[in-house]
């Protein structure tokens, strides 16, 4: 089977991932949307992407497991190509460095940088000869402590930091094939969890510290991801683009 353009989004059914999926949803595009557990959310995202004109292939698979990565690559291989890979899957685990368990830490690394490398090692040949784009979603938690509810997001931050390094090394390795590799480092995003009533006071503090005056809508940071996966960004590679409304400036 051959599609005109294939965009693969890991962790693409909820939150920032859903917004990324919808940012790429347009006629002539086949979206391979990976998700781990929430089938209802995945089906809802697929329905909206279809309404916007895209074809959608849902792949339920754990990116932290070897067979999950293999299942995703197999699904893409059936389409015959991969033009854009957005690696958004991650483990939002909370723990401080001195108490984090080996299992929690290993899971964060497996879903994050290890899954990215496995997808490219097993499916990198699916990029067309003309090239393609790889985009990783990152976080300001690699630069400053993220602690929303009393426990830091150390495992997630460590995995995102490893992804930042991978972006730079992969950009060099894949340049000869005209494949760009970039990352988008976001601050706080107005996902469903972040917009919950019990986090109102926290959001107020973030709004006050953000020059643009508010937490980002998921679509706003998804647009940056979509740009880096487009021909308009063909001369940008190996870069970490910060999309935080100016939060990190102050």
C-alpha atoms as a PDB file:
ATOM      1  CA  UNK A   1       0.000   0.000   0.000  1.00  0.00           C
ATOM      2  CA  UNK A   2       1.303   3.458  -0.838  1.00  0.00           C
ATOM      3  CA  UNK A   3       0.207   6.790   0.632  1.00  0.00           C
ATOM      4  CA  UNK A   4       1.014  10.301  -0.619  1.00  0.00           C
ATOM      5  CA  UNK A   5       2.451  11.420   2.736  1.00  0.00           C
ATOM      6  CA  UNK A   6       2.760   9.433   5.931  1.00  0.00           C
ATOM      7  CA  UNK A   7       3.134  11.121   9.312  1.00  0.00           C
ATOM      8  CA  UNK A   8       3.805   8.944  12.352  1.00  0.00           C
ATOM      9  CA  UNK A   9       3.000  10.322  15.809  1.00  0.00           C
ATOM     10  CA  UNK A  10       3.879   8.289  18.886  1.00  0.00           C
ATOM     11  CA  UNK A  11       1.751   9.111  21.893  1.00  0.00           C
ATOM     12  CA  UNK A  12      -0.571  10.923  19.530  1.00  0.00           C
ATOM     13  CA  UNK A  13      -4.016  10.495  21.064  1.00  0.00           C
ATOM     14  CA  UNK A  14      -4.170  12.876  24.026  1.00  0.00           C
ATOM     15  CA  UNK A  15      -2.869  16.230  25.213  1.00  0.00           C
ATOM     16  CA  UNK A  16      -0.016  17.672  23.185  1.00  0.00           C
ATOM     17  CA  UNK A  17       0.049  14.483  21.122  1.00  0.00           C
ATOM     18  CA  UNK A  18      -3.572  14.903  20.055  1.00  0.00           C
ATOM     19  CA  UNK A  19      -2.895  18.514  19.082  1.00  0.00           C
ATOM     20  CA  UNK A  20       0.119  17.401  17.026  1.00  0.00           C
ATOM     21  CA  UNK A  21      -1.937  14.753  15.255  1.00  0.00           C
ATOM     22  CA  UNK A  22      -4.593  17.318  14.367  1.00  0.00           C
ATOM     23  CA  UNK A  23      -1.978  19.846  13.231  1.00  0.00           C
ATOM     24  CA  UNK A  24      -0.909  17.366  10.543  1.00  0.00           C
ATOM     25  CA  UNK A  25      -4.458  16.286   9.660  1.00  0.00           C
ATOM     26  CA  UNK A  26      -5.236  17.321   6.108  1.00  0.00           C
ATOM     27  CA  UNK A  27      -6.242  15.750   2.804  1.00  0.00           C
ATOM     28  CA  UNK A  28      -3.481  13.705   1.208  1.00  0.00           C
ATOM     29  CA  UNK A  29      -1.921  12.729   4.523  1.00  0.00           C
ATOM     30  CA  UNK A  30      -2.076   9.373   6.252  1.00  0.00           C
ATOM     31  CA  UNK A  31      -1.572   9.649   9.999  1.00  0.00           C
ATOM     32  CA  UNK A  32      -0.217   6.685  11.915  1.00  0.00           C
ATOM     33  CA  UNK A  33      -1.294   7.481  15.461  1.00  0.00           C
ATOM     34  CA  UNK A  34       0.248   5.426  18.218  1.00  0.00           C
ATOM     35  CA  UNK A  35      -1.282   5.193  21.679  1.00  0.00           C
ATOM     36  CA  UNK A  36      -0.759   2.991  24.709  1.00  0.00           C
ATOM     37  CA  UNK A  37      -3.993   2.451  26.637  1.00  0.00           C
ATOM     38  CA  UNK A  38      -6.874   4.880  26.133  1.00  0.00           C
ATOM     39  CA  UNK A  39      -8.726   3.498  23.115  1.00  0.00           C
ATOM     40  CA  UNK A  40     -11.658   5.870  23.518  1.00  0.00           C
ATOM     41  CA  UNK A  41      -9.392   8.924  23.364  1.00  0.00           C
ATOM     42  CA  UNK A  42      -7.533   7.481  20.375  1.00  0.00           C
ATOM     43  CA  UNK A  43     -10.747   6.845  18.482  1.00  0.00           C
ATOM     44  CA  UNK A  44     -11.961  10.365  19.240  1.00  0.00           C
ATOM     45  CA  UNK A  45      -8.714  11.863  17.942  1.00  0.00           C
ATOM     46  CA  UNK A  46      -8.880   9.661  14.851  1.00  0.00           C
ATOM     47  CA  UNK A  47     -12.440  10.763  14.152  1.00  0.00           C
ATOM     48  CA  UNK A  48     -11.476  14.434  14.334  1.00  0.00           C
ATOM     49  CA  UNK A  49      -8.421  13.930  12.136  1.00  0.00           C
ATOM     50  CA  UNK A  50     -10.584  12.100   9.608  1.00  0.00           C
ATOM     51  CA  UNK A  51     -13.081  14.962   9.660  1.00  0.00           C
ATOM     52  CA  UNK A  52     -10.202  17.284   8.751  1.00  0.00           C
ATOM     53  CA  UNK A  53      -9.448  15.165   5.687  1.00  0.00           C
ATOM     54  CA  UNK A  54      -6.664  12.804   6.759  1.00  0.00           C
ATOM     55  CA  UNK A  55      -6.634   9.033   6.672  1.00  0.00           C
ATOM     56  CA  UNK A  56      -5.838   7.534  10.051  1.00  0.00           C
ATOM     57  CA  UNK A  57      -4.251   4.284  11.145  1.00  0.00           C
ATOM     58  CA  UNK A  58      -4.419   3.664  14.897  1.00  0.00           C
ATOM     59  CA  UNK A  59      -1.702   1.530  16.449  1.00  0.00           C
ATOM     60  CA  UNK A  60      -2.064   0.516  20.076  1.00  0.00           C
ATOM     61  CA  UNK A  61       1.442  -0.338  21.233  1.00  0.00           C
ATOM     62  CA  UNK A  62       3.702   0.311  24.206  1.00  0.00           C
ATOM     63  CA  UNK A  63       6.715   2.278  22.998  1.00  0.00           C
ATOM     64  CA  UNK A  64       8.583   1.096  26.072  1.00  0.00           C
ATOM     65  CA  UNK A  65       8.500  -2.502  24.856  1.00  0.00           C
ATOM     66  CA  UNK A  66      10.419  -4.052  21.965  1.00  0.00           C
ATOM     67  CA  UNK A  67       7.318  -5.736  20.546  1.00  0.00           C
ATOM     68  CA  UNK A  68       5.431  -2.434  20.741  1.00  0.00           C
ATOM     69  CA  UNK A  69       8.031  -0.645  18.638  1.00  0.00           C
ATOM     70  CA  UNK A  70       8.057  -3.565  16.194  1.00  0.00           C
ATOM     71  CA  UNK A  71       4.260  -3.400  15.870  1.00  0.00           C
ATOM     72  CA  UNK A  72       4.405   0.298  15.061  1.00  0.00           C
ATOM     73  CA  UNK A  73       7.128  -0.139  12.450  1.00  0.00           C
ATOM     74  CA  UNK A  74       5.216  -3.039  10.883  1.00  0.00           C
ATOM     75  CA  UNK A  75       2.108  -0.850  10.565  1.00  0.00           C
ATOM     76  CA  UNK A  76       4.120   1.897   8.870  1.00  0.00           C
ATOM     77  CA  UNK A  77       5.829  -0.579   6.587  1.00  0.00           C
ATOM     78  CA  UNK A  78       2.433  -1.665   5.275  1.00  0.00           C
ATOM     79  CA  UNK A  79       1.983   1.913   4.056  1.00  0.00           C
ATOM     80  CA  UNK A  80       5.308   1.799   2.260  1.00  0.00           C
ATOM     81  CA  UNK A  81       6.877   5.016   3.537  1.00  0.00           C
ATOM     82  CA  UNK A  82       7.377   7.449   6.405  1.00  0.00           C
ATOM     83  CA  UNK A  83       7.787  11.151   5.671  1.00  0.00           C
ATOM     84  CA  UNK A  84       7.588  12.543   9.195  1.00  0.00           C
ATOM     85  CA  UNK A  85       8.217  10.905  12.557  1.00  0.00           C
ATOM     86  CA  UNK A  86       7.084  12.787  15.646  1.00  0.00           C
ATOM     87  CA  UNK A  87       8.226  11.090  18.828  1.00  0.00           C
ATOM     88  CA  UNK A  88       5.933  12.328  21.568  1.00  0.00           C
ATOM     89  CA  UNK A  89       5.434   9.204  23.684  1.00  0.00           C
ATOM     90  CA  UNK A  90       6.874   9.576  27.177  1.00  0.00           C
ATOM     91  CA  UNK A  91       6.458   8.419  30.744  1.00  0.00           C
ATOM     92  CA  UNK A  92       5.209  11.171  33.048  1.00  0.00           C
ATOM     93  CA  UNK A  93       6.708   9.584  36.139  1.00  0.00           C
ATOM     94  CA  UNK A  94       7.402  11.592  39.275  1.00  0.00           C
ATOM     95  CA  UNK A  95      10.285  10.782  41.637  1.00  0.00           C
ATOM     96  CA  UNK A  96      13.332  12.486  43.083  1.00  0.00           C
ATOM     97  CA  UNK A  97      16.787  11.239  42.014  1.00  0.00           C
ATOM     98  CA  UNK A  98      17.582   9.644  45.381  1.00  0.00           C
ATOM     99  CA  UNK A  99      14.448   7.516  45.576  1.00  0.00           C
ATOM    100  CA  UNK A 100      13.556   6.750  41.951  1.00  0.00           C
ATOM    101  CA  UNK A 101      13.357   3.020  41.341  1.00  0.00           C
ATOM    102  CA  UNK A 102      15.238   1.281  38.581  1.00  0.00           C
ATOM    103  CA  UNK A 103      11.939   0.212  37.016  1.00  0.00           C
ATOM    104  CA  UNK A 104      10.528   3.748  36.860  1.00  0.00           C
ATOM    105  CA  UNK A 105      13.762   5.194  35.509  1.00  0.00           C
ATOM    106  CA  UNK A 106      14.193   2.442  32.921  1.00  0.00           C
ATOM    107  CA  UNK A 107      10.601   2.873  31.745  1.00  0.00           C
ATOM    108  CA  UNK A 108      11.103   6.596  31.179  1.00  0.00           C
ATOM    109  CA  UNK A 109      14.247   5.953  29.157  1.00  0.00           C
ATOM    110  CA  UNK A 110      12.660   3.077  27.221  1.00  0.00           C
ATOM    111  CA  UNK A 111       9.588   5.055  26.138  1.00  0.00           C
ATOM    112  CA  UNK A 112      11.673   8.122  25.358  1.00  0.00           C
ATOM    113  CA  UNK A 113      15.142   7.928  23.748  1.00  0.00           C
ATOM    114  CA  UNK A 114      15.386   4.148  23.399  1.00  0.00           C
ATOM    115  CA  UNK A 115      12.096   3.968  21.488  1.00  0.00           C
ATOM    116  CA  UNK A 116      13.175   6.758  19.136  1.00  0.00           C
ATOM    117  CA  UNK A 117      16.406   4.970  18.286  1.00  0.00           C
ATOM    118  CA  UNK A 118      14.620   1.637  17.848  1.00  0.00           C
ATOM    119  CA  UNK A 119      12.045   3.122  15.463  1.00  0.00           C
ATOM    120  CA  UNK A 120      14.774   4.694  13.341  1.00  0.00           C
ATOM    121  CA  UNK A 121      16.973   1.608  13.398  1.00  0.00           C
ATOM    122  CA  UNK A 122      14.103  -0.662  12.358  1.00  0.00           C
ATOM    123  CA  UNK A 123      12.153   1.699  10.120  1.00  0.00           C
ATOM    124  CA  UNK A 124      14.547   4.390   8.980  1.00  0.00           C
ATOM    125  CA  UNK A 125      14.646   2.839   5.518  1.00  0.00           C
ATOM    126  CA  UNK A 126      11.005   3.905   5.092  1.00  0.00           C
ATOM    127  CA  UNK A 127      11.966   7.545   4.605  1.00  0.00           C
ATOM    128  CA  UNK A 128      11.865   8.328   0.882  1.00  0.00           C
ATOM    129  CA  UNK A 129      15.014   9.182  -1.097  1.00  0.00           C
ATOM    130  CA  UNK A 130      13.936  12.825  -1.085  1.00  0.00           C
ATOM    131  CA  UNK A 131      14.325  12.951   2.698  1.00  0.00           C
ATOM    132  CA  UNK A 132      12.047  13.535   5.650  1.00  0.00           C
ATOM    133  CA  UNK A 133      11.710  14.972   9.124  1.00  0.00           C
ATOM    134  CA  UNK A 134      12.077  13.711  12.686  1.00  0.00           C
ATOM    135  CA  UNK A 135      10.716  15.865  15.510  1.00  0.00           C
ATOM    136  CA  UNK A 136      10.946  15.100  19.226  1.00  0.00           C
ATOM    137  CA  UNK A 137       8.819  16.750  21.874  1.00  0.00           C
ATOM    138  CA  UNK A 138      10.987  17.945  24.752  1.00  0.00           C
ATOM    139  CA  UNK A 139      10.547  19.897  27.957  1.00  0.00           C
ATOM    140  CA  UNK A 140      11.972  22.792  29.936  1.00  0.00           C
ATOM    141  CA  UNK A 141      12.210  20.256  32.760  1.00  0.00           C
ATOM    142  CA  UNK A 142      15.695  19.479  31.416  1.00  0.00           C
ATOM    143  CA  UNK A 143      16.779  22.986  32.458  1.00  0.00           C
ATOM    144  CA  UNK A 144      14.791  23.727  35.588  1.00  0.00           C
ATOM    145  CA  UNK A 145      13.027  21.748  38.274  1.00  0.00           C
ATOM    146  CA  UNK A 146       9.447  20.815  37.405  1.00  0.00           C
ATOM    147  CA  UNK A 147       7.557  20.130  40.608  1.00  0.00           C
ATOM    148  CA  UNK A 148       3.806  20.611  40.299  1.00  0.00           C
ATOM    149  CA  UNK A 149       2.443  18.474  43.105  1.00  0.00           C
ATOM    150  CA  UNK A 150       5.324  18.090  45.549  1.00  0.00           C
ATOM    151  CA  UNK A 151       7.445  15.496  43.736  1.00  0.00           C
ATOM    152  CA  UNK A 152       9.826  16.405  40.887  1.00  0.00           C
ATOM    153  CA  UNK A 153       9.524  14.920  37.414  1.00  0.00           C
ATOM    154  CA  UNK A 154      13.105  13.649  37.474  1.00  0.00           C
ATOM    155  CA  UNK A 155      12.659  10.437  35.401  1.00  0.00           C
ATOM    156  CA  UNK A 156      10.795  12.284  32.656  1.00  0.00           C
ATOM    157  CA  UNK A 157      13.319  15.129  32.666  1.00  0.00           C
ATOM    158  CA  UNK A 158      16.263  12.723  32.385  1.00  0.00           C
ATOM    159  CA  UNK A 159      14.636  10.955  29.430  1.00  0.00           C
ATOM    160  CA  UNK A 160      13.921  14.260  27.703  1.00  0.00           C
ATOM    161  CA  UNK A 161      17.524  15.337  28.242  1.00  0.00           C
ATOM    162  CA  UNK A 162      18.710  12.151  26.555  1.00  0.00           C
ATOM    163  CA  UNK A 163      16.384  12.937  23.653  1.00  0.00           C
ATOM    164  CA  UNK A 164      17.985  16.378  23.311  1.00  0.00           C
ATOM    165  CA  UNK A 165      21.377  14.712  22.875  1.00  0.00           C
ATOM    166  CA  UNK A 166      19.897  12.216  20.417  1.00  0.00           C
ATOM    167  CA  UNK A 167      18.459  15.061  18.320  1.00  0.00           C
ATOM    168  CA  UNK A 168      21.912  16.544  17.775  1.00  0.00           C
ATOM    169  CA  UNK A 169      23.699  13.280  17.025  1.00  0.00           C
ATOM    170  CA  UNK A 170      20.943  11.977  14.766  1.00  0.00           C
ATOM    171  CA  UNK A 171      20.860  15.255  12.844  1.00  0.00           C
ATOM    172  CA  UNK A 172      24.449  14.636  11.772  1.00  0.00           C
ATOM    173  CA  UNK A 173      23.956  10.927  11.062  1.00  0.00           C
ATOM    174  CA  UNK A 174      20.846  11.486   8.931  1.00  0.00           C
ATOM    175  CA  UNK A 175      21.904  14.679   7.138  1.00  0.00           C
ATOM    176  CA  UNK A 176      23.334  12.812   4.157  1.00  0.00           C
ATOM    177  CA  UNK A 177      19.863  11.387   3.542  1.00  0.00           C
ATOM    178  CA  UNK A 178      18.271  14.842   3.734  1.00  0.00           C
ATOM    179  CA  UNK A 179      16.413  13.939   6.922  1.00  0.00           C
ATOM    180  CA  UNK A 180      16.186  16.766   9.427  1.00  0.00           C
ATOM    181  CA  UNK A 181      16.036  16.095  13.159  1.00  0.00           C
ATOM    182  CA  UNK A 182      14.830  18.706  15.632  1.00  0.00           C
ATOM    183  CA  UNK A 183      13.152  19.054  18.999  1.00  0.00           C
ATOM    184  CA  UNK A 184      10.521  21.329  20.500  1.00  0.00           C
ATOM    185  CA  UNK A 185      11.050  22.194  24.152  1.00  0.00           C
ATOM    186  CA  UNK A 186       7.819  23.359  25.711  1.00  0.00           C
ATOM    187  CA  UNK A 187       6.961  24.871  29.035  1.00  0.00           C
ATOM    188  CA  UNK A 188       3.611  24.282  30.662  1.00  0.00           C
ATOM    189  CA  UNK A 189       0.822  23.316  28.260  1.00  0.00           C
ATOM    190  CA  UNK A 190      -2.911  23.606  28.879  1.00  0.00           C
ATOM    191  CA  UNK A 191      -3.728  19.924  28.606  1.00  0.00           C
ATOM    192  CA  UNK A 192      -6.822  18.489  30.257  1.00  0.00           C
ATOM    193  CA  UNK A 193      -4.831  17.527  33.354  1.00  0.00           C
ATOM    194  CA  UNK A 194      -3.187  20.941  33.620  1.00  0.00           C
ATOM    195  CA  UNK A 195      -6.517  22.743  33.274  1.00  0.00           C
ATOM    196  CA  UNK A 196      -8.144  20.828  36.139  1.00  0.00           C
ATOM    197  CA  UNK A 197      -9.752  23.007  38.807  1.00  0.00           C
ATOM    198  CA  UNK A 198      -7.334  21.891  41.521  1.00  0.00           C
ATOM    199  CA  UNK A 199      -4.432  23.372  39.540  1.00  0.00           C
ATOM    200  CA  UNK A 200      -5.935  26.831  39.189  1.00  0.00           C
ATOM    201  CA  UNK A 201      -3.562  28.443  41.694  1.00  0.00           C
ATOM    202  CA  UNK A 202      -0.568  26.784  40.026  1.00  0.00           C
ATOM    203  CA  UNK A 203      -1.703  28.048  36.606  1.00  0.00           C
ATOM    204  CA  UNK A 204      -2.100  31.529  38.014  1.00  0.00           C
ATOM    205  CA  UNK A 205       1.549  31.505  39.122  1.00  0.00           C
ATOM    206  CA  UNK A 206       2.731  30.278  35.721  1.00  0.00           C
ATOM    207  CA  UNK A 207       0.592  32.868  33.936  1.00  0.00           C
ATOM    208  CA  UNK A 208       2.135  35.610  36.059  1.00  0.00           C
ATOM    209  CA  UNK A 209       5.690  34.450  35.208  1.00  0.00           C
ATOM    210  CA  UNK A 210       5.051  34.088  31.459  1.00  0.00           C
ATOM    211  CA  UNK A 211       5.663  37.220  29.339  1.00  0.00           C
ATOM    212  CA  UNK A 212       2.788  36.282  27.025  1.00  0.00           C
ATOM    213  CA  UNK A 213       0.602  36.055  30.124  1.00  0.00           C
ATOM    214  CA  UNK A 214      -0.810  32.524  29.975  1.00  0.00           C
ATOM    215  CA  UNK A 215      -0.190  28.822  29.634  1.00  0.00           C
ATOM    216  CA  UNK A 216      -0.017  27.621  26.043  1.00  0.00           C
ATOM    217  CA  UNK A 217      -2.922  26.038  24.279  1.00  0.00           C
ATOM    218  CA  UNK A 218      -1.794  22.599  23.009  1.00  0.00           C
ATOM    219  CA  UNK A 219      -2.430  23.687  19.420  1.00  0.00           C
ATOM    220  CA  UNK A 220       0.062  26.544  19.734  1.00  0.00           C
ATOM    221  CA  UNK A 221       3.007  24.273  20.533  1.00  0.00           C
ATOM    222  CA  UNK A 222       1.741  21.639  18.106  1.00  0.00           C
ATOM    223  CA  UNK A 223       2.044  24.206  15.324  1.00  0.00           C
ATOM    224  CA  UNK A 224       5.766  24.508  16.075  1.00  0.00           C
ATOM    225  CA  UNK A 225       6.122  20.732  15.771  1.00  0.00           C
ATOM    226  CA  UNK A 226       4.223  20.782  12.483  1.00  0.00           C
ATOM    227  CA  UNK A 227       6.475  23.543  11.149  1.00  0.00           C
ATOM    228  CA  UNK A 228       9.622  21.525  11.893  1.00  0.00           C
ATOM    229  CA  UNK A 229       8.075  18.603  10.046  1.00  0.00           C
ATOM    230  CA  UNK A 230       7.397  20.659   6.927  1.00  0.00           C
ATOM    231  CA  UNK A 231       9.323  21.745   3.842  1.00  0.00           C
ATOM    232  CA  UNK A 232       9.405  25.283   5.244  1.00  0.00           C
ATOM    233  CA  UNK A 233      11.889  24.035   7.880  1.00  0.00           C
ATOM    234  CA  UNK A 234      14.090  22.085   5.464  1.00  0.00           C
ATOM    235  CA  UNK A 235      17.212  24.079   6.419  1.00  0.00           C
ATOM    236  CA  UNK A 236      16.733  23.614  10.167  1.00  0.00           C
ATOM    237  CA  UNK A 237      18.311  20.566  11.758  1.00  0.00           C
ATOM    238  CA  UNK A 238      19.895  19.572  15.052  1.00  0.00           C
ATOM    239  CA  UNK A 239      18.069  22.359  16.860  1.00  0.00           C
ATOM    240  CA  UNK A 240      16.052  22.567  20.066  1.00  0.00           C
ATOM    241  CA  UNK A 241      13.317  25.143  19.549  1.00  0.00           C
ATOM    242  CA  UNK A 242      11.898  26.578  22.764  1.00  0.00           C
ATOM    243  CA  UNK A 243       8.157  27.291  22.648  1.00  0.00           C
ATOM    244  CA  UNK A 244       7.202  28.582  26.090  1.00  0.00           C
ATOM    245  CA  UNK A 245       5.702  32.053  25.657  1.00  0.00           C
ATOM    246  CA  UNK A 246       8.893  33.530  27.086  1.00  0.00           C
ATOM    247  CA  UNK A 247       8.646  31.654  30.403  1.00  0.00           C
ATOM    248  CA  UNK A 248      12.330  30.641  30.403  1.00  0.00           C
ATOM    249  CA  UNK A 249      13.478  34.246  29.897  1.00  0.00           C
ATOM    250  CA  UNK A 250      12.571  35.316  33.413  1.00  0.00           C
END
